[in-house]
Full PDB file with SEQRES, HELIX, SHEET, SSBOND, CRYST1, ORIGX, SCALE, CONECT and MASTER records, all heavy atoms in Angstrom:
SEQRES   1 A   38  GLY LEU ALA PHE LEU ILE TYR LYS VAL VAL SER ASN ARG          
SEQRES   2 A   38  SER PRO ARG LEU LYS GLN LYS THR THR LYS ALA THR VAL          
SEQRES   3 A   38  GLU VAL GLU GLU VAL ARG SER ALA THR GLU TRP ALA              
HELIX    1 AA1 LEU A    2  LEU A   17  1                                  16    
HELIX    2 AA2 ALA A   34  TRP A   37  1                                   4    
CRYST1    1.000    1.000    1.000  90.00  90.00  90.00 P 1           1          
ORIGX1      1.000000  0.000000  0.000000        0.00000                         
ORIGX2      0.000000  1.000000  0.000000        0.00000                         
ORIGX3      0.000000  0.000000  1.000000        0.00000                         
SCALE1      1.000000  0.000000  0.000000        0.00000                         
SCALE2      0.000000  1.000000  0.000000        0.00000                         
SCALE3      0.000000  0.000000  1.000000        0.00000                         
ATOM      1  N   GLY A   1     -63.269 -26.676   3.449  1.00  0.00           N  
ATOM      2  CA  GLY A   1     -62.169 -26.980   4.289  1.00  0.00           C  
ATOM      3  C   GLY A   1     -61.109 -25.886   4.004  1.00  0.00           C  
ATOM      4  O   GLY A   1     -60.533 -25.412   4.975  1.00  0.00           O  
ATOM      5  N   LEU A   2     -60.914 -25.497   2.822  1.00  0.00           N  
ATOM      6  CA  LEU A   2     -59.857 -24.469   2.459  1.00  0.00           C  
ATOM      7  C   LEU A   2     -60.338 -23.176   2.938  1.00  0.00           C  
ATOM      8  O   LEU A   2     -59.504 -22.385   3.506  1.00  0.00           O  
ATOM      9  CB  LEU A   2     -59.766 -24.494   0.928  1.00  0.00           C  
ATOM     10  CG  LEU A   2     -58.672 -23.585   0.369  1.00  0.00           C  
ATOM     11  CD1 LEU A   2     -57.224 -24.011   1.014  1.00  0.00           C  
ATOM     12  CD2 LEU A   2     -58.657 -23.586  -1.039  1.00  0.00           C  
ATOM     13  N   ALA A   3     -61.601 -22.862   2.892  1.00  0.00           N  
ATOM     14  CA  ALA A   3     -62.136 -21.579   3.441  1.00  0.00           C  
ATOM     15  C   ALA A   3     -61.962 -21.464   4.878  1.00  0.00           C  
ATOM     16  O   ALA A   3     -61.566 -20.480   5.520  1.00  0.00           O  
ATOM     17  CB  ALA A   3     -63.519 -21.368   2.975  1.00  0.00           C  
ATOM     18  N   PHE A   4     -62.242 -22.632   5.530  1.00  0.00           N  
ATOM     19  CA  PHE A   4     -62.142 -22.658   7.044  1.00  0.00           C  
ATOM     20  C   PHE A   4     -60.646 -22.534   7.456  1.00  0.00           C  
ATOM     21  O   PHE A   4     -60.300 -21.779   8.434  1.00  0.00           O  
ATOM     22  CB  PHE A   4     -62.690 -24.006   7.583  1.00  0.00           C  
ATOM     23  CG  PHE A   4     -62.642 -24.150   9.055  1.00  0.00           C  
ATOM     24  CD1 PHE A   4     -63.445 -23.435   9.860  1.00  0.00           C  
ATOM     25  CD2 PHE A   4     -61.642 -24.967   9.596  1.00  0.00           C  
ATOM     26  CE1 PHE A   4     -63.337 -23.605  11.236  1.00  0.00           C  
ATOM     27  CE2 PHE A   4     -61.524 -25.082  11.008  1.00  0.00           C  
ATOM     28  CZ  PHE A   4     -62.326 -24.419  11.814  1.00  0.00           C  
ATOM     29  N   LEU A   5     -59.700 -23.219   6.722  1.00  0.00           N  
ATOM     30  CA  LEU A   5     -58.332 -23.025   6.972  1.00  0.00           C  
ATOM     31  C   LEU A   5     -57.837 -21.609   6.851  1.00  0.00           C  
ATOM     32  O   LEU A   5     -57.109 -21.097   7.731  1.00  0.00           O  
ATOM     33  CB  LEU A   5     -57.483 -24.005   6.080  1.00  0.00           C  
ATOM     34  CG  LEU A   5     -56.109 -24.033   6.252  1.00  0.00           C  
ATOM     35  CD1 LEU A   5     -55.684 -24.561   7.614  1.00  0.00           C  
ATOM     36  CD2 LEU A   5     -55.394 -24.943   5.219  1.00  0.00           C  
ATOM     37  N   ILE A   6     -58.240 -20.902   5.793  1.00  0.00           N  
ATOM     38  CA  ILE A   6     -57.866 -19.558   5.556  1.00  0.00           C  
ATOM     39  C   ILE A   6     -58.356 -18.630   6.649  1.00  0.00           C  
ATOM     40  O   ILE A   6     -57.811 -17.897   7.147  1.00  0.00           O  
ATOM     41  CB  ILE A   6     -58.471 -19.073   4.136  1.00  0.00           C  
ATOM     42  CG1 ILE A   6     -57.562 -19.779   3.147  1.00  0.00           C  
ATOM     43  CG2 ILE A   6     -58.299 -17.609   4.039  1.00  0.00           C  
ATOM     44  CD1 ILE A   6     -58.038 -19.563   1.670  1.00  0.00           C  
ATOM     45  N   TYR A   7     -59.674 -18.888   7.072  1.00  0.00           N  
ATOM     46  CA  TYR A   7     -60.311 -18.189   8.149  1.00  0.00           C  
ATOM     47  C   TYR A   7     -59.516 -18.341   9.440  1.00  0.00           C  
ATOM     48  O   TYR A   7     -59.122 -17.393  10.075  1.00  0.00           O  
ATOM     49  CB  TYR A   7     -61.742 -18.696   8.348  1.00  0.00           C  
ATOM     50  CG  TYR A   7     -62.386 -18.107   9.630  1.00  0.00           C  
ATOM     51  CD1 TYR A   7     -62.788 -16.791   9.755  1.00  0.00           C  
ATOM     52  CD2 TYR A   7     -62.385 -18.867  10.836  1.00  0.00           C  
ATOM     53  CE1 TYR A   7     -63.315 -16.365  10.942  1.00  0.00           C  
ATOM     54  CE2 TYR A   7     -62.977 -18.531  11.979  1.00  0.00           C  
ATOM     55  CZ  TYR A   7     -63.430 -17.216  12.075  1.00  0.00           C  
ATOM     56  OH  TYR A   7     -63.909 -16.729  13.214  1.00  0.00           O  
ATOM     57  N   LYS A   8     -59.030 -19.512   9.790  1.00  0.00           N  
ATOM     58  CA  LYS A   8     -58.295 -19.802  10.981  1.00  0.00           C  
ATOM     59  C   LYS A   8     -56.935 -19.098  10.928  1.00  0.00           C  
ATOM     60  O   LYS A   8     -56.493 -18.501  11.880  1.00  0.00           O  
ATOM     61  CB  LYS A   8     -58.083 -21.228  11.199  1.00  0.00           C  
ATOM     62  CG  LYS A   8     -59.285 -21.965  11.830  1.00  0.00           C  
ATOM     63  CD  LYS A   8     -59.507 -21.332  13.155  1.00  0.00           C  
ATOM     64  CE  LYS A   8     -60.301 -22.231  14.030  1.00  0.00           C  
ATOM     65  NZ  LYS A   8     -60.600 -21.628  15.366  1.00  0.00           N  
ATOM     66  N   VAL A   9     -56.352 -19.151   9.869  1.00  0.00           N  
ATOM     67  CA  VAL A   9     -54.959 -18.443   9.680  1.00  0.00           C  
ATOM     68  C   VAL A   9     -55.093 -17.009   9.850  1.00  0.00           C  
ATOM     69  O   VAL A   9     -54.302 -16.389  10.535  1.00  0.00           O  
ATOM     70  CB  VAL A   9     -54.267 -18.871   8.390  1.00  0.00           C  
ATOM     71  CG1 VAL A   9     -53.081 -18.034   8.131  1.00  0.00           C  
ATOM     72  CG2 VAL A   9     -53.888 -20.311   8.295  1.00  0.00           C  
ATOM     73  N   VAL A  10     -56.059 -16.411   9.145  1.00  0.00           N  
ATOM     74  CA  VAL A  10     -56.258 -14.984   9.287  1.00  0.00           C  
ATOM     75  C   VAL A  10     -56.732 -14.501  10.693  1.00  0.00           C  
ATOM     76  O   VAL A  10     -56.205 -13.549  11.274  1.00  0.00           O  
ATOM     77  CB  VAL A  10     -57.295 -14.497   8.174  1.00  0.00           C  
ATOM     78  CG1 VAL A  10     -57.689 -12.989   8.405  1.00  0.00           C  
ATOM     79  CG2 VAL A  10     -56.641 -14.713   6.858  1.00  0.00           C  
ATOM     80  N   SER A  11     -57.606 -15.292  11.335  1.00  0.00           N  
ATOM     81  CA  SER A  11     -58.055 -14.934  12.669  1.00  0.00           C  
ATOM     82  C   SER A  11     -57.031 -15.117  13.700  1.00  0.00           C  
ATOM     83  O   SER A  11     -56.925 -14.359  14.685  1.00  0.00           O  
ATOM     84  CB  SER A  11     -59.380 -15.638  13.042  1.00  0.00           C  
ATOM     85  OG  SER A  11     -58.978 -17.056  13.247  1.00  0.00           O  
ATOM     86  N   ASN A  12     -56.071 -16.053  13.586  1.00  0.00           N  
ATOM     87  CA  ASN A  12     -55.002 -16.182  14.466  1.00  0.00           C  
ATOM     88  C   ASN A  12     -53.980 -15.086  14.361  1.00  0.00           C  
ATOM     89  O   ASN A  12     -53.193 -14.809  15.251  1.00  0.00           O  
ATOM     90  CB  ASN A  12     -54.346 -17.574  14.354  1.00  0.00           C  
ATOM     91  CG  ASN A  12     -55.213 -18.643  14.889  1.00  0.00           C  
ATOM     92  OD1 ASN A  12     -56.034 -18.372  15.816  1.00  0.00           O  
ATOM     93  ND2 ASN A  12     -54.990 -19.847  14.539  1.00  0.00           N  
ATOM     94  N   ARG A  13     -53.804 -14.566  13.139  1.00  0.00           N  
ATOM     95  CA  ARG A  13     -52.807 -13.603  12.896  1.00  0.00           C  
ATOM     96  C   ARG A  13     -53.308 -12.193  13.382  1.00  0.00           C  
ATOM     97  O   ARG A  13     -52.419 -11.345  13.660  1.00  0.00           O  
ATOM     98  CB  ARG A  13     -52.453 -13.474  11.461  1.00  0.00           C  
ATOM     99  CG  ARG A  13     -51.788 -14.820  10.965  1.00  0.00           C  
ATOM    100  CD  ARG A  13     -51.279 -14.652   9.560  1.00  0.00           C  
ATOM    101  NE  ARG A  13     -50.034 -13.907   9.611  1.00  0.00           N  
ATOM    102  CZ  ARG A  13     -49.358 -13.469   8.621  1.00  0.00           C  
ATOM    103  NH1 ARG A  13     -49.831 -13.649   7.468  1.00  0.00           N  
ATOM    104  NH2 ARG A  13     -48.246 -12.793   8.753  1.00  0.00           N  
ATOM    105  N   SER A  14     -54.573 -11.941  13.491  1.00  0.00           N  
ATOM    106  CA  SER A  14     -55.009 -10.622  13.890  1.00  0.00           C  
ATOM    107  C   SER A  14     -54.458 -10.173  15.219  1.00  0.00           C  
ATOM    108  O   SER A  14     -54.002  -9.037  15.298  1.00  0.00           O  
ATOM    109  CB  SER A  14     -56.547 -10.662  13.992  1.00  0.00           C  
ATOM    110  OG  SER A  14     -57.098 -11.090  12.769  1.00  0.00           O  
ATOM    111  N   PRO A  15     -54.395 -10.962  16.249  1.00  0.00           N  
ATOM    112  CA  PRO A  15     -53.875 -10.399  17.497  1.00  0.00           C  
ATOM    113  C   PRO A  15     -52.446 -10.036  17.340  1.00  0.00           C  
ATOM    114  O   PRO A  15     -51.908  -9.114  18.062  1.00  0.00           O  
ATOM    115  CB  PRO A  15     -54.085 -11.579  18.437  1.00  0.00           C  
ATOM    116  CG  PRO A  15     -55.130 -12.453  17.888  1.00  0.00           C  
ATOM    117  CD  PRO A  15     -55.049 -12.244  16.474  1.00  0.00           C  
ATOM    118  N   ARG A  16     -51.724 -10.753  16.575  1.00  0.00           N  
ATOM    119  CA  ARG A  16     -50.254 -10.417  16.374  1.00  0.00           C  
ATOM    120  C   ARG A  16     -50.058  -9.094  15.755  1.00  0.00           C  
ATOM    121  O   ARG A  16     -48.978  -8.414  15.909  1.00  0.00           O  
ATOM    122  CB  ARG A  16     -49.525 -11.450  15.605  1.00  0.00           C  
ATOM    123  CG  ARG A  16     -49.361 -12.757  16.370  1.00  0.00           C  
ATOM    124  CD  ARG A  16     -48.594 -13.761  15.534  1.00  0.00           C  
ATOM    125  NE  ARG A  16     -49.079 -15.113  15.892  1.00  0.00           N  
ATOM    126  CZ  ARG A  16     -49.098 -16.095  15.000  1.00  0.00           C  
ATOM    127  NH1 ARG A  16     -48.697 -15.900  13.766  1.00  0.00           N  
ATOM    128  NH2 ARG A  16     -49.509 -17.249  15.427  1.00  0.00           N  
ATOM    129  N   LEU A  17     -51.035  -8.709  14.822  1.00  0.00           N  
ATOM    130  CA  LEU A  17     -50.901  -7.393  14.190  1.00  0.00           C  
ATOM    131  C   LEU A  17     -51.150  -6.267  15.131  1.00  0.00           C  
ATOM    132  O   LEU A  17     -50.664  -5.186  14.909  1.00  0.00           O  
ATOM    133  CB  LEU A  17     -51.774  -7.398  12.953  1.00  0.00           C  
ATOM    134  CG  LEU A  17     -51.542  -8.409  11.852  1.00  0.00           C  
ATOM    135  CD1 LEU A  17     -52.644  -8.348  10.766  1.00  0.00           C  
ATOM    136  CD2 LEU A  17     -50.156  -8.208  11.271  1.00  0.00           C  
ATOM    137  N   LYS A  18     -51.967  -6.548  16.081  1.00  0.00           N  
ATOM    138  CA  LYS A  18     -52.268  -5.441  17.018  1.00  0.00           C  
ATOM    139  C   LYS A  18     -51.031  -5.211  17.959  1.00  0.00           C  
ATOM    140  O   LYS A  18     -50.350  -6.053  18.396  1.00  0.00           O  
ATOM    141  CB  LYS A  18     -53.437  -5.769  18.023  1.00  0.00           C  
ATOM    142  CG  LYS A  18     -54.708  -5.881  17.159  1.00  0.00           C  
ATOM    143  CD  LYS A  18     -55.840  -6.336  18.164  1.00  0.00           C  
ATOM    144  CE  LYS A  18     -57.092  -6.537  17.378  1.00  0.00           C  
ATOM    145  NZ  LYS A  18     -58.204  -7.022  18.268  1.00  0.00           N  
ATOM    146  N   GLN A  19     -50.619  -3.959  18.117  1.00  0.00           N  
ATOM    147  CA  GLN A  19     -49.471  -3.644  18.905  1.00  0.00           C  
ATOM    148  C   GLN A  19     -49.920  -3.630  20.368  1.00  0.00           C  
ATOM    149  O   GLN A  19     -50.978  -2.919  20.708  1.00  0.00           O  
ATOM    150  CB  GLN A  19     -48.916  -2.321  18.442  1.00  0.00           C  
ATOM    151  CG  GLN A  19     -48.199  -2.274  17.095  1.00  0.00           C  
ATOM    152  CD  GLN A  19     -47.532  -1.027  16.886  1.00  0.00           C  
ATOM    153  OE1 GLN A  19     -47.615  -0.104  17.570  1.00  0.00           O  
ATOM    154  NE2 GLN A  19     -46.716  -1.072  15.762  1.00  0.00           N  
ATOM    155  N   LYS A  20     -49.195  -4.093  21.212  1.00  0.00           N  
ATOM    156  CA  LYS A  20     -49.375  -4.099  22.630  1.00  0.00           C  
ATOM    157  C   LYS A  20     -48.975  -2.750  23.118  1.00  0.00           C  
ATOM    158  O   LYS A  20     -47.811  -2.234  22.786  1.00  0.00           O  
ATOM    159  CB  LYS A  20     -48.701  -5.173  23.409  1.00  0.00           C  
ATOM    160  CG  LYS A  20     -49.217  -6.532  23.050  1.00  0.00           C  
ATOM    161  CD  LYS A  20     -48.459  -7.598  23.824  1.00  0.00           C  
ATOM    162  CE  LYS A  20     -48.978  -9.003  23.474  1.00  0.00           C  
ATOM    163  NZ  LYS A  20     -48.167 -10.060  24.208  1.00  0.00           N  
ATOM    164  N   THR A  21     -49.710  -2.131  23.874  1.00  0.00           N  
ATOM    165  CA  THR A  21     -49.352  -0.847  24.510  1.00  0.00           C  
ATOM    166  C   THR A  21     -48.888  -1.085  25.985  1.00  0.00           C  
ATOM    167  O   THR A  21     -49.591  -1.725  26.752  1.00  0.00           O  
ATOM    168  CB  THR A  21     -50.420   0.323  24.490  1.00  0.00           C  
ATOM    169  OG1 THR A  21     -51.517  -0.312  25.179  1.00  0.00           O  
ATOM    170  CG2 THR A  21     -50.844   0.549  23.095  1.00  0.00           C  
ATOM    171  N   THR A  22     -47.732  -0.654  26.292  1.00  0.00           N  
ATOM    172  CA  THR A  22     -47.149  -0.800  27.547  1.00  0.00           C  
ATOM    173  C   THR A  22     -46.638   0.606  28.095  1.00  0.00           C  
ATOM    174  O   THR A  22     -46.247   1.417  27.266  1.00  0.00           O  
ATOM    175  CB  THR A  22     -45.906  -1.735  27.613  1.00  0.00           C  
ATOM    176  OG1 THR A  22     -44.927  -1.250  26.780  1.00  0.00           O  
ATOM    177  CG2 THR A  22     -46.277  -3.161  27.221  1.00  0.00           C  
ATOM    178  N   LYS A  23     -46.850   0.728  29.344  1.00  0.00           N  
ATOM    179  CA  LYS A  23     -46.347   1.997  29.925  1.00  0.00           C  
ATOM    180  C   LYS A  23     -44.852   1.894  30.242  1.00  0.00           C  
ATOM    181  O   LYS A  23     -44.425   0.935  30.963  1.00  0.00           O  
ATOM    182  CB  LYS A  23     -47.115   2.332  31.221  1.00  0.00           C  
ATOM    183  CG  LYS A  23     -48.590   2.721  30.913  1.00  0.00           C  
ATOM    184  CD  LYS A  23     -49.315   3.024  32.214  1.00  0.00           C  
ATOM    185  CE  LYS A  23     -50.752   3.342  31.872  1.00  0.00           C  
ATOM    186  NZ  LYS A  23     -51.421   3.816  33.046  1.00  0.00           N  
ATOM    187  N   ALA A  24     -44.080   2.808  29.771  1.00  0.00           N  
ATOM    188  CA  ALA A  24     -42.675   2.745  30.072  1.00  0.00           C  
ATOM    189  C   ALA A  24     -42.359   3.505  31.289  1.00  0.00           C  
ATOM    190  O   ALA A  24     -42.932   4.580  31.581  1.00  0.00           O  
ATOM    191  CB  ALA A  24     -41.868   3.425  28.883  1.00  0.00           C  
ATOM    192  N   THR A  25     -41.577   2.972  32.129  1.00  0.00           N  
ATOM    193  CA  THR A  25     -41.122   3.622  33.386  1.00  0.00           C  
ATOM    194  C   THR A  25     -39.737   4.200  33.191  1.00  0.00           C  
ATOM    195  O   THR A  25     -38.780   3.379  32.850  1.00  0.00           O  
ATOM    196  CB  THR A  25     -41.150   2.542  34.547  1.00  0.00           C  
ATOM    197  OG1 THR A  25     -42.443   2.003  34.612  1.00  0.00           O  
ATOM    198  CG2 THR A  25     -40.785   3.304  35.847  1.00  0.00           C  
ATOM    199  N   VAL A  26     -39.489   5.373  33.446  1.00  0.00           N  
ATOM    200  CA  VAL A  26     -38.308   6.036  33.301  1.00  0.00           C  
ATOM    201  C   VAL A  26     -37.827   6.561  34.596  1.00  0.00           C  
ATOM    202  O   VAL A  26     -38.482   7.283  35.310  1.00  0.00           O  
ATOM    203  CB  VAL A  26     -38.334   7.214  32.276  1.00  0.00           C  
ATOM    204  CG1 VAL A  26     -37.019   7.905  32.193  1.00  0.00           C  
ATOM    205  CG2 VAL A  26     -38.839   6.751  30.915  1.00  0.00           C  
ATOM    206  N   GLU A  27     -36.624   6.146  35.019  1.00  0.00           N  
ATOM    207  CA  GLU A  27     -36.004   6.648  36.196  1.00  0.00           C  
ATOM    208  C   GLU A  27     -35.127   7.747  35.956  1.00  0.00           C  
ATOM    209  O   GLU A  27     -34.200   7.603  35.070  1.00  0.00           O  
ATOM    210  CB  GLU A  27     -35.275   5.475  36.893  1.00  0.00           C  
ATOM    211  CG  GLU A  27     -36.096   4.565  37.793  1.00  0.00           C  
ATOM    212  CD  GLU A  27     -35.236   3.639  38.636  1.00  0.00           C  
ATOM    213  OE1 GLU A  27     -34.207   4.138  39.197  1.00  0.00           O  
ATOM    214  OE2 GLU A  27     -35.574   2.419  38.680  1.00  0.00           O  
ATOM    215  N   VAL A  28     -35.321   8.833  36.518  1.00  0.00           N  
ATOM    216  CA  VAL A  28     -34.445   9.931  36.365  1.00  0.00           C  
ATOM    217  C   VAL A  28     -33.816  10.336  37.744  1.00  0.00           C  
ATOM    218  O   VAL A  28     -34.518  10.483  38.706  1.00  0.00           O  
ATOM    219  CB  VAL A  28     -35.244  11.203  35.899  1.00  0.00           C  
ATOM    220  CG1 VAL A  28     -34.326  12.410  35.781  1.00  0.00           C  
ATOM    221  CG2 VAL A  28     -35.903  10.879  34.563  1.00  0.00           C  
ATOM    222  N   GLU A  29     -32.568  10.225  37.797  1.00  0.00           N  
ATOM    223  CA  GLU A  29     -31.817  10.559  38.989  1.00  0.00           C  
ATOM    224  C   GLU A  29     -31.326  11.959  38.974  1.00  0.00           C  
ATOM    225  O   GLU A  29     -30.716  12.293  37.938  1.00  0.00           O  
ATOM    226  CB  GLU A  29     -30.698   9.484  39.224  1.00  0.00           C  
ATOM    227  CG  GLU A  29     -30.098   9.694  40.550  1.00  0.00           C  
ATOM    228  CD  GLU A  29     -29.080   8.588  40.795  1.00  0.00           C  
ATOM    229  OE1 GLU A  29     -29.476   7.366  40.720  1.00  0.00           O  
ATOM    230  OE2 GLU A  29     -27.920   8.888  41.164  1.00  0.00           O  
ATOM    231  N   GLU A  30     -31.485  12.677  40.066  1.00  0.00           N  
ATOM    232  CA  GLU A  30     -31.032  14.075  39.987  1.00  0.00           C  
ATOM    233  C   GLU A  30     -29.525  13.999  40.049  1.00  0.00           C  
ATOM    234  O   GLU A  30     -28.853  13.068  40.367  1.00  0.00           O  
ATOM    235  CB  GLU A  30     -31.542  14.759  41.360  1.00  0.00           C  
ATOM    236  CG  GLU A  30     -31.015  14.059  42.553  1.00  0.00           C  
ATOM    237  CD  GLU A  30     -31.633  14.687  43.830  1.00  0.00           C  
ATOM    238  OE1 GLU A  30     -32.742  14.383  44.107  1.00  0.00           O  
ATOM    239  OE2 GLU A  30     -30.896  15.365  44.475  1.00  0.00           O  
ATOM    240  N   VAL A  31     -29.016  15.091  39.468  1.00  0.00           N  
ATOM    241  CA  VAL A  31     -27.572  15.237  39.426  1.00  0.00           C  
ATOM    242  C   VAL A  31     -27.000  15.630  40.884  1.00  0.00           C  
ATOM    243  O   VAL A  31     -27.624  16.536  41.516  1.00  0.00           O  
ATOM    244  CB  VAL A  31     -27.120  16.433  38.511  1.00  0.00           C  
ATOM    245  CG1 VAL A  31     -25.586  16.556  38.489  1.00  0.00           C  
ATOM    246  CG2 VAL A  31     -27.610  16.051  37.081  1.00  0.00           C  
ATOM    247  N   ARG A  32     -26.071  14.919  41.342  1.00  0.00           N  
ATOM    248  CA  ARG A  32     -25.668  15.027  42.723  1.00  0.00           C  
ATOM    249  C   ARG A  32     -24.156  15.372  42.706  1.00  0.00           C  
ATOM    250  O   ARG A  32     -23.457  14.958  41.882  1.00  0.00           O  
ATOM    251  CB  ARG A  32     -25.882  13.713  43.542  1.00  0.00           C  
ATOM    252  CG  ARG A  32     -27.337  13.359  43.542  1.00  0.00           C  
ATOM    253  CD  ARG A  32     -27.670  12.167  44.232  1.00  0.00           C  
ATOM    254  NE  ARG A  32     -27.455  12.465  45.676  1.00  0.00           N  
ATOM    255  CZ  ARG A  32     -27.129  11.489  46.571  1.00  0.00           C  
ATOM    256  NH1 ARG A  32     -26.890  10.317  46.254  1.00  0.00           N  
ATOM    257  NH2 ARG A  32     -26.970  11.882  47.819  1.00  0.00           N  
ATOM    258  N   SER A  33     -23.769  16.074  43.670  1.00  0.00           N  
ATOM    259  CA  SER A  33     -22.378  16.484  43.838  1.00  0.00           C  
ATOM    260  C   SER A  33     -21.479  15.401  44.353  1.00  0.00           C  
ATOM    261  O   SER A  33     -22.018  14.487  45.008  1.00  0.00           O  
ATOM    262  CB  SER A  33     -22.275  17.792  44.607  1.00  0.00           C  
ATOM    263  OG  SER A  33     -22.509  17.433  45.933  1.00  0.00           O  
ATOM    264  N   ALA A  34     -20.263  15.470  44.137  1.00  0.00           N  
ATOM    265  CA  ALA A  34     -19.307  14.515  44.779  1.00  0.00           C  
ATOM    266  C   ALA A  34     -19.415  14.515  46.275  1.00  0.00           C  
ATOM    267  O   ALA A  34     -19.336  13.456  46.914  1.00  0.00           O  
ATOM    268  CB  ALA A  34     -17.907  14.793  44.344  1.00  0.00           C  
ATOM    269  N   THR A  35     -19.654  15.673  46.852  1.00  0.00           N  
ATOM    270  CA  THR A  35     -19.737  15.788  48.329  1.00  0.00           C  
ATOM    271  C   THR A  35     -21.042  14.987  48.803  1.00  0.00           C  
ATOM    272  O   THR A  35     -20.983  14.404  49.830  1.00  0.00           O  
ATOM    273  CB  THR A  35     -19.946  17.318  48.705  1.00  0.00           C  
ATOM    274  OG1 THR A  35     -18.692  17.919  48.186  1.00  0.00           O  
ATOM    275  CG2 THR A  35     -19.924  17.446  50.224  1.00  0.00           C  
ATOM    276  N   GLU A  36     -22.129  15.099  48.090  1.00  0.00           N  
ATOM    277  CA  GLU A  36     -23.338  14.412  48.388  1.00  0.00           C  
ATOM    278  C   GLU A  36     -23.087  12.937  48.398  1.00  0.00           C  
ATOM    279  O   GLU A  36     -23.605  12.148  49.267  1.00  0.00           O  
ATOM    280  CB  GLU A  36     -24.511  14.858  47.554  1.00  0.00           C  
ATOM    281  CG  GLU A  36     -24.959  16.202  47.809  1.00  0.00           C  
ATOM    282  CD  GLU A  36     -25.960  16.718  46.715  1.00  0.00           C  
ATOM    283  OE1 GLU A  36     -25.744  16.547  45.523  1.00  0.00           O  
ATOM    284  OE2 GLU A  36     -26.938  17.324  47.146  1.00  0.00           O  
ATOM    285  N   TRP A  37     -22.392  12.458  47.312  1.00  0.00           N  
ATOM    286  CA  TRP A  37     -22.119  11.041  47.201  1.00  0.00           C  
ATOM    287  C   TRP A  37     -21.204  10.622  48.336  1.00  0.00           C  
ATOM    288  O   TRP A  37     -21.445   9.548  48.933  1.00  0.00           O  
ATOM    289  CB  TRP A  37     -21.464  10.646  45.890  1.00  0.00           C  
ATOM    290  CG  TRP A  37     -22.329  10.653  44.733  1.00  0.00           C  
ATOM    291  CD1 TRP A  37     -22.401  11.600  43.657  1.00  0.00           C  
ATOM    292  CD2 TRP A  37     -23.513   9.816  44.557  1.00  0.00           C  
ATOM    293  NE1 TRP A  37     -23.409  11.192  42.763  1.00  0.00           N  
ATOM    294  CE2 TRP A  37     -24.045  10.174  43.236  1.00  0.00           C  
ATOM    295  CE3 TRP A  37     -24.029   8.757  45.182  1.00  0.00           C  
ATOM    296  CZ2 TRP A  37     -25.197   9.495  42.813  1.00  0.00           C  
ATOM    297  CZ3 TRP A  37     -25.078   8.075  44.805  1.00  0.00           C  
ATOM    298  CH2 TRP A  37     -25.727   8.476  43.516  1.00  0.00           C  
ATOM    299  N   ALA A  38     -20.180  11.420  48.789  1.00  0.00           N  
ATOM    300  CA  ALA A  38     -19.264  11.093  49.815  1.00  0.00           C  
ATOM    301  C   ALA A  38     -20.041  10.960  51.149  1.00  0.00           C  
ATOM    302  O   ALA A  38     -19.797  10.056  51.945  1.00  0.00           O  
ATOM    303  CB  ALA A  38     -18.216  12.067  49.908  1.00  0.00           C  
TER     304      ALA A  38                                                      
MASTER        0    0    0    2    0    0    0    6  303    1    0    3          
END                                                                             
């Protein structure tokens, strides 16, 4: 029972240790002049 409990705790923690990879989206806005904004 103790070995099974240790196995469950370790196996449940494994996914948490793996880092999720996500793609970051970066918006870059061009520099615009005051005249263009107007």
